[in-house]
Amino acid sequence: MTTYHFVAASERFLTEEEPLEEVLRERVRHYGEQGKAIDFWLVRRPAFLDSAALAGRTQTVPRPAAAVVSTDEKFITFLKLRLEFVFRGSFEAPSAAIPDALASA
């Protein structure tokens, strides 16, 4: 099992009101320079927010929602500090299943 960390907020807030695209673009550039594989994903309308494991904790996230998911907890902590008005959480899932599921979302 792999632990995935995330920040979530309304889709409009993350994709229109905040400079998230710029932050993610810079992160991709940095990873390219370091030769590091991408370990984060932008997920629009993430179903995992409604999962039983997160029930009750994610009710405050406005819908439709979006989330940035990563295996890098420090990156998610940075996003929480940078974006402020987001919900931060984590969940465990089989490592092989999540990237494929997120990539097609």
C-alpha atoms as a PDB file:
ATOM      1  CA  MET A   1       0.000   0.000   0.000  1.00  0.00           C
ATOM      2  CA  THR A   2       1.122   3.519  -0.791  1.00  0.00           C
ATOM      3  CA  THR A   3       0.096   6.651   1.057  1.00  0.00           C
ATOM      4  CA  TYR A   4      -1.256   9.377  -1.213  1.00  0.00           C
ATOM      5  CA  HIS A   5      -1.497  12.926   0.103  1.00  0.00           C
ATOM      6  CA  PHE A   6      -3.807  15.532  -1.363  1.00  0.00           C
ATOM      7  CA  VAL A   7      -5.203  19.021  -1.205  1.00  0.00           C
ATOM      8  CA  ALA A   8      -8.770  19.521  -2.383  1.00  0.00           C
ATOM      9  CA  ALA A   9     -11.006  22.507  -2.972  1.00  0.00           C
ATOM     10  CA  SER A  10     -13.710  23.599  -5.361  1.00  0.00           C
ATOM     11  CA  GLU A  11     -12.730  22.936  -8.949  1.00  0.00           C
ATOM     12  CA  ARG A  12     -13.259  26.604  -9.821  1.00  0.00           C
ATOM     13  CA  PHE A  13     -11.017  27.759  -6.967  1.00  0.00           C
ATOM     14  CA  LEU A  14      -8.139  25.437  -7.882  1.00  0.00           C
ATOM     15  CA  THR A  15      -8.290  25.805 -11.643  1.00  0.00           C
ATOM     16  CA  GLU A  16      -9.405  29.422 -12.129  1.00  0.00           C
ATOM     17  CA  GLU A  17      -8.863  31.536  -9.021  1.00  0.00           C
ATOM     18  CA  GLU A  18      -5.474  30.249  -7.870  1.00  0.00           C
ATOM     19  CA  PRO A  19      -2.224  30.158  -9.879  1.00  0.00           C
ATOM     20  CA  LEU A  20      -2.120  26.357  -9.597  1.00  0.00           C
ATOM     21  CA  GLU A  21      -1.201  25.864 -13.250  1.00  0.00           C
ATOM     22  CA  GLU A  22       1.928  27.952 -12.735  1.00  0.00           C
ATOM     23  CA  VAL A  23       2.890  26.020  -9.588  1.00  0.00           C
ATOM     24  CA  LEU A  24       2.419  22.645 -11.305  1.00  0.00           C
ATOM     25  CA  ARG A  25       4.286  23.775 -14.435  1.00  0.00           C
ATOM     26  CA  GLU A  26       7.237  24.868 -12.274  1.00  0.00           C
ATOM     27  CA  ARG A  27       7.140  21.541 -10.431  1.00  0.00           C
ATOM     28  CA  VAL A  28       7.238  19.617 -13.745  1.00  0.00           C
ATOM     29  CA  ARG A  29      10.208  21.726 -14.882  1.00  0.00           C
ATOM     30  CA  HIS A  30      12.032  21.100 -11.597  1.00  0.00           C
ATOM     31  CA  TYR A  31      11.387  17.349 -11.777  1.00  0.00           C
ATOM     32  CA  GLY A  32      12.690  17.324 -15.368  1.00  0.00           C
ATOM     33  CA  GLU A  33      15.908  19.015 -14.284  1.00  0.00           C
ATOM     34  CA  GLN A  34      16.318  16.523 -11.457  1.00  0.00           C
ATOM     35  CA  GLY A  35      15.462  13.499 -13.632  1.00  0.00           C
ATOM     36  CA  LYS A  36      12.625  12.651 -11.242  1.00  0.00           C
ATOM     37  CA  ALA A  37       9.411  10.935 -12.311  1.00  0.00           C
ATOM     38  CA  ILE A  38       6.154  12.873 -11.902  1.00  0.00           C
ATOM     39  CA  ASP A  39       4.505  11.838  -8.631  1.00  0.00           C
ATOM     40  CA  PHE A  40       1.538  14.212  -8.594  1.00  0.00           C
ATOM     41  CA  TRP A  41      -1.730  14.506 -10.483  1.00  0.00           C
ATOM     42  CA  LEU A  42      -4.497  17.101 -10.845  1.00  0.00           C
ATOM     43  CA  VAL A  43      -7.792  15.259 -10.497  1.00  0.00           C
ATOM     44  CA  ARG A  44     -11.060  16.932 -11.410  1.00  0.00           C
ATOM     45  CA  ARG A  45     -14.114  15.677  -9.518  1.00  0.00           C
ATOM     46  CA  PRO A  46     -12.198  13.080  -7.479  1.00  0.00           C
ATOM     47  CA  ALA A  47     -14.387  10.176  -6.407  1.00  0.00           C
ATOM     48  CA  PHE A  48     -12.081   9.356  -3.488  1.00  0.00           C
ATOM     49  CA  LEU A  49     -13.439  12.380  -1.591  1.00  0.00           C
ATOM     50  CA  ASP A  50     -16.708  10.487  -1.227  1.00  0.00           C
ATOM     51  CA  SER A  51     -15.093   7.227  -0.104  1.00  0.00           C
ATOM     52  CA  ALA A  52     -16.004   5.604   3.186  1.00  0.00           C
ATOM     53  CA  ALA A  53     -12.438   6.098   4.438  1.00  0.00           C
ATOM     54  CA  LEU A  54     -12.767   9.886   4.146  1.00  0.00           C
ATOM     55  CA  ALA A  55     -16.461  10.135   5.007  1.00  0.00           C
ATOM     56  CA  GLY A  56     -17.260  13.053   7.237  1.00  0.00           C
ATOM     57  CA  ARG A  57     -13.878  14.723   6.860  1.00  0.00           C
ATOM     58  CA  THR A  58     -14.279  15.902   3.260  1.00  0.00           C
ATOM     59  CA  GLN A  59     -17.860  17.187   3.510  1.00  0.00           C
ATOM     60  CA  THR A  60     -16.569  20.760   3.743  1.00  0.00           C
ATOM     61  CA  VAL A  61     -14.948  20.599   0.296  1.00  0.00           C
ATOM     62  CA  PRO A  62     -17.276  22.401  -2.141  1.00  0.00           C
ATOM     63  CA  ARG A  63     -18.497  20.360  -5.096  1.00  0.00           C
ATOM     64  CA  PRO A  64     -17.638  20.032  -7.898  1.00  0.00           C
ATOM     65  CA  ALA A  65     -14.197  19.550  -6.433  1.00  0.00           C
ATOM     66  CA  ALA A  66     -10.678  19.110  -7.730  1.00  0.00           C
ATOM     67  CA  ALA A  67      -7.588  17.775  -5.985  1.00  0.00           C
ATOM     68  CA  VAL A  68      -3.855  17.589  -6.380  1.00  0.00           C
ATOM     69  CA  VAL A  69      -2.706  14.129  -5.316  1.00  0.00           C
ATOM     70  CA  SER A  70       0.909  13.154  -4.673  1.00  0.00           C
ATOM     71  CA  THR A  71       3.079  10.612  -2.929  1.00  0.00           C
ATOM     72  CA  ASP A  72       5.261  13.535  -1.786  1.00  0.00           C
ATOM     73  CA  GLU A  73       3.885  14.788   1.528  1.00  0.00           C
ATOM     74  CA  LYS A  74       6.213  17.821   1.533  1.00  0.00           C
ATOM     75  CA  PHE A  75       4.840  18.985  -1.814  1.00  0.00           C
ATOM     76  CA  ILE A  76       1.268  18.727  -0.531  1.00  0.00           C
ATOM     77  CA  THR A  77       2.261  20.628   2.630  1.00  0.00           C
ATOM     78  CA  PHE A  78       3.740  23.331   0.382  1.00  0.00           C
ATOM     79  CA  LEU A  79       0.500  23.491  -1.623  1.00  0.00           C
ATOM     80  CA  LYS A  80      -1.568  23.761   1.559  1.00  0.00           C
ATOM     81  CA  LEU A  81       0.545  26.707   2.706  1.00  0.00           C
ATOM     82  CA  ARG A  82       0.572  28.295  -0.772  1.00  0.00           C
ATOM     83  CA  LEU A  83      -3.129  27.914  -1.495  1.00  0.00           C
ATOM     84  CA  GLU A  84      -4.450  28.313   2.085  1.00  0.00           C
ATOM     85  CA  PHE A  85      -8.159  27.644   1.526  1.00  0.00           C
ATOM     86  CA  VAL A  86      -7.880  23.948   0.689  1.00  0.00           C
ATOM     87  CA  PHE A  87      -8.590  20.726   2.559  1.00  0.00           C
ATOM     88  CA  ARG A  88      -5.525  18.574   3.181  1.00  0.00           C
ATOM     89  CA  GLY A  89      -5.703  14.821   3.713  1.00  0.00           C
ATOM     90  CA  SER A  90      -4.279  11.442   2.826  1.00  0.00           C
ATOM     91  CA  PHE A  91      -5.362   7.911   2.045  1.00  0.00           C
ATOM     92  CA  GLU A  92      -3.768   4.543   1.379  1.00  0.00           C
ATOM     93  CA  ALA A  93      -4.243   2.569  -1.806  1.00  0.00           C
ATOM     94  CA  PRO A  94      -2.436  -0.070  -3.825  1.00  0.00           C
ATOM     95  CA  SER A  95       0.379   1.769  -5.594  1.00  0.00           C
ATOM     96  CA  ALA A  96      -0.240   0.231  -9.022  1.00  0.00           C
ATOM     97  CA  ALA A  97      -3.932   1.117  -9.115  1.00  0.00           C
ATOM     98  CA  ILE A  98      -3.896   4.828  -8.324  1.00  0.00           C
ATOM     99  CA  PRO A  99      -1.730   6.398 -11.066  1.00  0.00           C
ATOM    100  CA  ASP A 100      -3.669   4.569 -13.777  1.00  0.00           C
ATOM    101  CA  ALA A 101      -7.008   5.551 -12.244  1.00  0.00           C
ATOM    102  CA  LEU A 102      -5.947   9.170 -11.807  1.00  0.00           C
ATOM    103  CA  ALA A 103      -4.487   9.447 -15.278  1.00  0.00           C
ATOM    104  CA  SER A 104      -7.785   8.477 -16.864  1.00  0.00           C
ATOM    105  CA  ALA A 105      -9.872  10.704 -14.603  1.00  0.00           C
END
